[in-house]
Structure formats: structure tokens, C-alpha cells
C-alpha atoms as a PDB file:
ATOM      1  CA  MET A   1     -54.088  19.431  31.049  1.00  0.00           C
ATOM      2  CA  SER A   2     -52.823  17.768  27.908  1.00  0.00           C
ATOM      3  CA  GLN A   3     -54.999  15.650  25.664  1.00  0.00           C
ATOM      4  CA  GLU A   4     -53.165  12.502  26.795  1.00  0.00           C
ATOM      5  CA  ASN A   5     -54.179  13.141  30.384  1.00  0.00           C
ATOM      6  CA  PRO A   6     -57.053  10.785  31.305  1.00  0.00           C
ATOM      7  CA  SER A   7     -58.148  12.604  34.460  1.00  0.00           C
ATOM      8  CA  VAL A   8     -60.924  14.761  32.972  1.00  0.00           C
ATOM      9  CA  GLY A   9     -62.582  11.724  31.432  1.00  0.00           C
ATOM     10  CA  TYR A  10     -62.370   9.897  34.748  1.00  0.00           C
ATOM     11  CA  TYR A  11     -64.116  12.739  36.563  1.00  0.00           C
ATOM     12  CA  ASP A  12     -66.759  13.077  33.857  1.00  0.00           C
ATOM     13  CA  ARG A  13     -67.573   9.372  34.250  1.00  0.00           C
ATOM     14  CA  ASN A  14     -67.444   9.335  38.053  1.00  0.00           C
ATOM     15  CA  ALA A  15     -68.647  12.822  38.970  1.00  0.00           C
ATOM     16  CA  SER A  16     -71.529  11.863  41.267  1.00  0.00           C
ATOM     17  CA  ALA A  17     -69.515   9.369  43.298  1.00  0.00           C
ATOM     18  CA  PHE A  18     -66.534  11.716  43.537  1.00  0.00           C
ATOM     19  CA  VAL A  19     -68.612  14.620  44.795  1.00  0.00           C
ATOM     20  CA  ARG A  20     -70.420  12.429  47.333  1.00  0.00           C
ATOM     21  CA  GLY A  21     -67.074  11.171  48.625  1.00  0.00           C
ATOM     22  CA  THR A  22     -65.425  14.578  49.003  1.00  0.00           C
ATOM     23  CA  VAL A  23     -68.076  17.232  49.624  1.00  0.00           C
ATOM     24  CA  GLY A  24     -68.182  16.571  53.379  1.00  0.00           C
ATOM     25  CA  ALA A  25     -64.420  16.458  53.986  1.00  0.00           C
ATOM     26  CA  SER A  26     -62.967  19.382  55.928  1.00  0.00           C
ATOM     27  CA  MET A  27     -59.856  21.254  54.826  1.00  0.00           C
ATOM     28  CA  GLY A  28     -60.127  23.500  57.874  1.00  0.00           C
ATOM     29  CA  GLU A  29     -56.437  23.618  58.882  1.00  0.00           C
ATOM     30  CA  ALA A  30     -55.199  24.495  55.402  1.00  0.00           C
ATOM     31  CA  LEU A  31     -58.085  26.893  54.789  1.00  0.00           C
ATOM     32  CA  ASP A  32     -57.336  28.684  58.068  1.00  0.00           C
ATOM     33  CA  ALA A  33     -53.677  29.119  57.120  1.00  0.00           C
ATOM     34  CA  PHE A  34     -54.534  30.272  53.582  1.00  0.00           C
ATOM     35  CA  SER A  35     -57.260  32.674  54.752  1.00  0.00           C
ATOM     36  CA  ALA A  36     -54.930  34.260  57.299  1.00  0.00           C
ATOM     37  CA  MET A  37     -52.589  35.320  54.479  1.00  0.00           C
ATOM     38  CA  LEU A  38     -55.296  37.059  52.431  1.00  0.00           C
ATOM     39  CA  PRO A  39     -56.635  40.600  52.688  1.00  0.00           C
ATOM     40  CA  GLU A  40     -60.275  41.169  53.605  1.00  0.00           C
ATOM     41  CA  ARG A  41     -62.707  40.492  50.758  1.00  0.00           C
ATOM     42  CA  ALA A  42     -59.910  38.940  48.715  1.00  0.00           C
ATOM     43  CA  HIS A  43     -60.684  37.496  45.293  1.00  0.00           C
ATOM     44  CA  VAL A  44     -59.762  33.802  45.267  1.00  0.00           C
ATOM     45  CA  LEU A  45     -59.513  31.363  42.366  1.00  0.00           C
ATOM     46  CA  ASP A  46     -60.549  27.856  43.455  1.00  0.00           C
ATOM     47  CA  TRP A  47     -58.509  26.133  40.753  1.00  0.00           C
ATOM     48  CA  GLY A  48     -59.764  22.592  40.278  1.00  0.00           C
ATOM     49  CA  CYS A  49     -62.656  23.069  42.679  1.00  0.00           C
ATOM     50  CA  GLY A  50     -64.202  19.589  42.454  1.00  0.00           C
ATOM     51  CA  SER A  51     -67.393  19.454  44.523  1.00  0.00           C
ATOM     52  CA  GLY A  52     -67.256  23.183  45.287  1.00  0.00           C
ATOM     53  CA  ARG A  53     -66.823  22.377  48.990  1.00  0.00           C
ATOM     54  CA  ASP A  54     -63.917  24.778  49.508  1.00  0.00           C
ATOM     55  CA  SER A  55     -65.424  27.477  47.295  1.00  0.00           C
ATOM     56  CA  LEU A  56     -68.450  27.463  49.570  1.00  0.00           C
ATOM     57  CA  GLU A  57     -66.301  27.678  52.707  1.00  0.00           C
ATOM     58  CA  LEU A  58     -64.184  30.498  51.280  1.00  0.00           C
ATOM     59  CA  ARG A  59     -67.337  32.464  50.470  1.00  0.00           C
ATOM     60  CA  LYS A  60     -68.543  31.963  54.043  1.00  0.00           C
ATOM     61  CA  ARG A  61     -65.264  33.543  55.160  1.00  0.00           C
ATOM     62  CA  GLY A  62     -66.083  36.690  53.203  1.00  0.00           C
ATOM     63  CA  PHE A  63     -64.016  36.143  50.063  1.00  0.00           C
ATOM     64  CA  GLU A  64     -65.057  36.558  46.446  1.00  0.00           C
ATOM     65  CA  VAL A  65     -64.499  33.191  44.765  1.00  0.00           C
ATOM     66  CA  THR A  66     -64.168  32.141  41.140  1.00  0.00           C
ATOM     67  CA  SER A  67     -64.570  28.370  40.857  1.00  0.00           C
ATOM     68  CA  VAL A  68     -62.964  26.481  37.979  1.00  0.00           C
ATOM     69  CA  ASP A  69     -62.787  22.800  37.085  1.00  0.00           C
ATOM     70  CA  ALA A  70     -61.842  20.926  33.922  1.00  0.00           C
ATOM     71  CA  SER A  71     -64.739  18.450  34.122  1.00  0.00           C
ATOM     72  CA  PRO A  72     -68.166  19.550  32.820  1.00  0.00           C
ATOM     73  CA  ALA A  73     -69.839  16.782  34.830  1.00  0.00           C
ATOM     74  CA  ILE A  74     -68.106  17.870  38.035  1.00  0.00           C
ATOM     75  CA  ALA A  75     -69.254  21.441  37.366  1.00  0.00           C
ATOM     76  CA  GLU A  76     -72.871  20.232  37.224  1.00  0.00           C
ATOM     77  CA  GLU A  77     -72.479  18.183  40.390  1.00  0.00           C
ATOM     78  CA  ALA A  78     -70.887  21.113  42.241  1.00  0.00           C
ATOM     79  CA  LEU A  79     -73.837  23.313  41.349  1.00  0.00           C
ATOM     80  CA  ALA A  80     -76.245  20.698  42.697  1.00  0.00           C
ATOM     81  CA  ALA A  81     -74.243  19.958  45.855  1.00  0.00           C
ATOM     82  CA  THR A  82     -73.092  23.441  46.921  1.00  0.00           C
ATOM     83  CA  GLN A  83     -74.861  25.936  44.633  1.00  0.00           C
ATOM     84  CA  THR A  84     -71.407  26.790  43.268  1.00  0.00           C
ATOM     85  CA  ILE A  85     -71.285  27.915  39.648  1.00  0.00           C
ATOM     86  CA  VAL A  86     -68.148  26.476  38.065  1.00  0.00           C
ATOM     87  CA  ARG A  87     -66.318  27.754  34.997  1.00  0.00           C
ATOM     88  CA  VAL A  88     -65.201  24.762  32.911  1.00  0.00           C
ATOM     89  CA  GLU A  89     -61.557  25.240  31.964  1.00  0.00           C
ATOM     90  CA  THR A  90     -58.318  23.255  32.008  1.00  0.00           C
ATOM     91  CA  PHE A  91     -55.252  24.592  33.835  1.00  0.00           C
ATOM     92  CA  ASP A  92     -53.473  25.457  30.598  1.00  0.00           C
ATOM     93  CA  LYS A  93     -56.262  27.861  29.585  1.00  0.00           C
ATOM     94  CA  LEU A  94     -55.921  30.255  32.522  1.00  0.00           C
ATOM     95  CA  ASP A  95     -54.856  33.544  30.935  1.00  0.00           C
ATOM     96  CA  GLU A  96     -55.863  36.204  33.453  1.00  0.00           C
ATOM     97  CA  ILE A  97     -53.298  38.756  34.603  1.00  0.00           C
ATOM     98  CA  GLU A  98     -53.131  39.961  38.227  1.00  0.00           C
ATOM     99  CA  SER A  99     -56.786  39.075  38.827  1.00  0.00           C
ATOM    100  CA  TYR A 100     -56.611  37.177  42.124  1.00  0.00           C
ATOM    101  CA  ASP A 101     -55.332  37.740  45.652  1.00  0.00           C
ATOM    102  CA  GLY A 102     -55.145  34.002  46.196  1.00  0.00           C
ATOM    103  CA  ILE A 103     -55.260  30.728  44.288  1.00  0.00           C
ATOM    104  CA  TRP A 104     -56.522  27.644  46.098  1.00  0.00           C
ATOM    105  CA  ALA A 105     -55.379  24.498  44.224  1.00  0.00           C
ATOM    106  CA  CYS A 106     -56.374  21.712  46.607  1.00  0.00           C
ATOM    107  CA  ALA A 107     -55.597  18.215  45.286  1.00  0.00           C
ATOM    108  CA  SER A 108     -55.897  19.459  41.707  1.00  0.00           C
ATOM    109  CA  LEU A 109     -52.456  20.235  40.263  1.00  0.00           C
ATOM    110  CA  LEU A 110     -51.453  16.650  41.030  1.00  0.00           C
ATOM    111  CA  HIS A 111     -53.261  15.728  37.797  1.00  0.00           C
ATOM    112  CA  VAL A 112     -50.771  17.774  35.735  1.00  0.00           C
ATOM    113  CA  ARG A 113     -47.831  15.911  34.206  1.00  0.00           C
ATOM    114  CA  PRO A 114     -44.444  16.879  35.710  1.00  0.00           C
ATOM    115  CA  GLU A 115     -43.155  18.409  32.473  1.00  0.00           C
ATOM    116  CA  GLU A 116     -46.268  20.624  32.265  1.00  0.00           C
ATOM    117  CA  LEU A 117     -46.208  21.874  35.856  1.00  0.00           C
ATOM    118  CA  PRO A 118     -43.737  24.762  35.297  1.00  0.00           C
ATOM    119  CA  ALA A 119     -45.940  26.306  32.608  1.00  0.00           C
ATOM    120  CA  VAL A 120     -49.085  25.822  34.695  1.00  0.00           C
ATOM    121  CA  LEU A 121     -47.432  27.415  37.729  1.00  0.00           C
ATOM    122  CA  ALA A 122     -46.322  30.318  35.542  1.00  0.00           C
ATOM    123  CA  ARG A 123     -49.981  30.857  34.630  1.00  0.00           C
ATOM    124  CA  ALA A 124     -50.867  30.892  38.336  1.00  0.00           C
ATOM    125  CA  HIS A 125     -48.086  33.396  38.983  1.00  0.00           C
ATOM    126  CA  ALA A 126     -49.338  35.678  36.215  1.00  0.00           C
ATOM    127  CA  ALA A 127     -52.933  35.465  37.463  1.00  0.00           C
ATOM    128  CA  LEU A 128     -51.996  36.482  41.007  1.00  0.00           C
ATOM    129  CA  ARG A 129     -51.775  40.089  42.103  1.00  0.00           C
ATOM    130  CA  PRO A 130     -48.496  41.290  43.668  1.00  0.00           C
ATOM    131  CA  GLU A 131     -47.826  39.315  46.856  1.00  0.00           C
ATOM    132  CA  GLY A 132     -50.712  36.994  45.988  1.00  0.00           C
ATOM    133  CA  VAL A 133     -50.866  33.638  47.750  1.00  0.00           C
ATOM    134  CA  LEU A 134     -50.887  30.147  46.237  1.00  0.00           C
ATOM    135  CA  TYR A 135     -52.006  27.071  48.169  1.00  0.00           C
ATOM    136  CA  CYS A 136     -51.379  23.727  46.498  1.00  0.00           C
ATOM    137  CA  SER A 137     -51.372  20.109  47.611  1.00  0.00           C
ATOM    138  CA  PHE A 138     -50.046  16.869  46.168  1.00  0.00           C
ATOM    139  CA  LYS A 139     -50.001  13.271  47.280  1.00  0.00           C
ATOM    140  CA  TYR A 140     -46.678  12.705  48.992  1.00  0.00           C
ATOM    141  CA  GLY A 141     -44.054  10.839  46.972  1.00  0.00           C
ATOM    142  CA  VAL A 142     -41.675  11.029  44.038  1.00  0.00           C
ATOM    143  CA  ASP A 143     -43.506   9.072  41.340  1.00  0.00           C
ATOM    144  CA  ALA A 144     -45.913   9.893  38.526  1.00  0.00           C
ATOM    145  CA  GLY A 145     -48.264   7.939  36.298  1.00  0.00           C
ATOM    146  CA  VAL A 146     -51.803   6.746  35.700  1.00  0.00           C
ATOM    147  CA  ARG A 147     -53.516   5.086  38.663  1.00  0.00           C
ATOM    148  CA  ASN A 148     -57.169   4.068  38.779  1.00  0.00           C
ATOM    149  CA  GLY A 149     -57.924   5.975  35.588  1.00  0.00           C
ATOM    150  CA  ARG A 150     -56.296   9.288  36.585  1.00  0.00           C
ATOM    151  CA  TRP A 151     -52.880  10.852  36.165  1.00  0.00           C
ATOM    152  CA  PHE A 152     -51.060  11.560  39.439  1.00  0.00           C
ATOM    153  CA  THR A 153     -47.871  13.542  39.947  1.00  0.00           C
ATOM    154  CA  ASN A 154     -46.675  12.925  43.490  1.00  0.00           C
ATOM    155  CA  LEU A 155     -44.126  15.307  45.013  1.00  0.00           C
ATOM    156  CA  ASN A 156     -41.954  15.604  48.107  1.00  0.00           C
ATOM    157  CA  GLU A 157     -40.681  18.817  49.710  1.00  0.00           C
ATOM    158  CA  ASP A 158     -37.571  19.098  47.540  1.00  0.00           C
ATOM    159  CA  ALA A 159     -39.381  18.523  44.259  1.00  0.00           C
ATOM    160  CA  LEU A 160     -42.154  20.992  45.035  1.00  0.00           C
ATOM    161  CA  SER A 161     -39.685  23.608  46.283  1.00  0.00           C
ATOM    162  CA  GLU A 162     -37.668  23.305  43.075  1.00  0.00           C
ATOM    163  CA  LEU A 163     -40.805  23.897  41.006  1.00  0.00           C
ATOM    164  CA  LEU A 164     -42.044  26.869  42.993  1.00  0.00           C
ATOM    165  CA  GLN A 165     -38.913  28.805  43.913  1.00  0.00           C
ATOM    166  CA  PRO A 166     -38.323  30.525  40.555  1.00  0.00           C
ATOM    167  CA  LEU A 167     -41.701  32.266  40.915  1.00  0.00           C
ATOM    168  CA  PHE A 168     -42.770  32.070  44.552  1.00  0.00           C
ATOM    169  CA  HIS A 169     -41.429  32.529  48.052  1.00  0.00           C
ATOM    170  CA  ILE A 170     -42.358  29.411  50.041  1.00  0.00           C
ATOM    171  CA  ASP A 171     -43.964  30.502  53.298  1.00  0.00           C
ATOM    172  CA  ARG A 172     -44.864  27.080  54.663  1.00  0.00           C
ATOM    173  CA  ILE A 173     -44.620  23.483  53.499  1.00  0.00           C
ATOM    174  CA  TRP A 174     -46.015  20.590  55.533  1.00  0.00           C
ATOM    175  CA  THR A 175     -47.444  17.094  55.378  1.00  0.00           C
ATOM    176  CA  SER A 176     -50.871  16.006  56.571  1.00  0.00           C
ATOM    177  CA  ALA A 177     -53.142  12.992  56.630  1.00  0.00           C
ATOM    178  CA  ASP A 178     -55.967  12.574  54.126  1.00  0.00           C
ATOM    179  CA  VAL A 179     -59.144  14.123  55.580  1.00  0.00           C
ATOM    180  CA  ARG A 180     -61.549  11.714  53.885  1.00  0.00           C
ATOM    181  CA  PRO A 181     -63.039   8.959  56.059  1.00  0.00           C
ATOM    182  CA  GLY A 182     -60.962   5.788  56.010  1.00  0.00           C
ATOM    183  CA  ARG A 183     -58.053   7.431  54.182  1.00  0.00           C
ATOM    184  CA  GLY A 184     -56.060   8.774  57.141  1.00  0.00           C
ATOM    185  CA  ASP A 185     -53.015   6.636  56.312  1.00  0.00           C
ATOM    186  CA  GLU A 186     -52.494   8.535  53.022  1.00  0.00           C
ATOM    187  CA  ARG A 187     -50.028  11.433  53.226  1.00  0.00           C
ATOM    188  CA  TRP A 188     -50.371  14.789  51.505  1.00  0.00           C
ATOM    189  CA  LEU A 189     -47.859  17.552  50.846  1.00  0.00           C
ATOM    190  CA  ASN A 190     -49.259  21.048  51.389  1.00  0.00           C
ATOM    191  CA  CYS A 191     -47.673  24.368  50.527  1.00  0.00           C
ATOM    192  CA  LEU A 192     -48.397  28.070  50.942  1.00  0.00           C
ATOM    193  CA  ALA A 193     -46.332  30.353  48.741  1.00  0.00           C
ATOM    194  CA  THR A 194     -46.297  34.061  47.948  1.00  0.00           C
ATOM    195  CA  LYS A 195     -45.768  35.520  44.488  1.00  0.00           C
ATOM    196  CA  ARG A 196     -42.298  36.982  44.020  1.00  0.00           C
END
């Protein structure tokens, strides 16, 4: 993320509260769909792993997981909450080539500015092995800007498809309710896509 992006600072300041509020939420439906597209013992990048909740679940499903987050404070909290070791790195620093069978980017790429998303997605594409799978999710909408101390890029189906289609085949795109308690009225855009 760019230096003007306030999101990392927000998470550094609010790491404990954020982890407490998200570590118990279940991404079961999306995780089931993602897992079904991966080979056995796949290597997965949990890209923007937050509390480490999904890294832990993916490991339970038999996958090798590399957990990455941009916030040093979140990395510490994830270790305490889920025993997940987190590599501290922003999206624009991923430079691995054909290292992963899948990339799980749950509610993380939404903190990337719209003009930076193509380059970030190109990094994901390069890091995936042939026919590797990307899961990503964004708050549903067509706006972008700073809200409550964080940058949010909201996307709808058309906008996300336009971003992904040069590099990925879109296998499934769907909306869902927020899984956190009391947030069920918030809509999310989910996507599973395969590397071209």
C-alpha cells in the first residue's frame, strides 16, 4: 500500500480490538468454495491475514499456509490469538514467482487504492502457480475513500470483473452478508478466479 494510505496505521493503533472483533467470525462458505478448488496439501498465501483466523482454518484443512499482513501490531496479535506467525509486508512488496496454489485475500485488498489495484493483482498473478486460485472480497459499492481512519475501495461485479479479467478467469462472483455479529446488513462482494 502507498505511503498515503492510512490503513496500516489504523490497524497498528487498533490491533487488539480488531482481532477481538474478527477472530471468531466464520468464513466457512467462502473457505469451502476456495478449498474445493485447491489440490491436496496446497500452499496458500493468506494475504492480509488480520487475526490469523483463516490461516488457522486453512491449516486445519491440510494446507500449507504463509500468512502476511502489513501491520506489525496485527502480526503480534495474530500470534497471540491463533499461534499464527505472520510475515509483515505490504501488498506492493510481494515478489514471489509461482510459489502458491492459492491466494486468500479476505477483506484485505479493499484497502488498496483503485489506481494501485492492477499492479497489486499482477503481483498476485505472478505469485500463483499455473491454474492457481485467487479469492478476494470487497465491500459492495462503487466508491472509494477514507472512512473511520482506513482507506476503502468498494467494488461491484462489473468493476471487479474489469480488474481481474486481463489476468484471471472468473469462476464465481457473489454477494454475501457480513459474518460479524451485528453487521449482517453490510454487503460484501466475493470472487473466486483462476490464473490465466
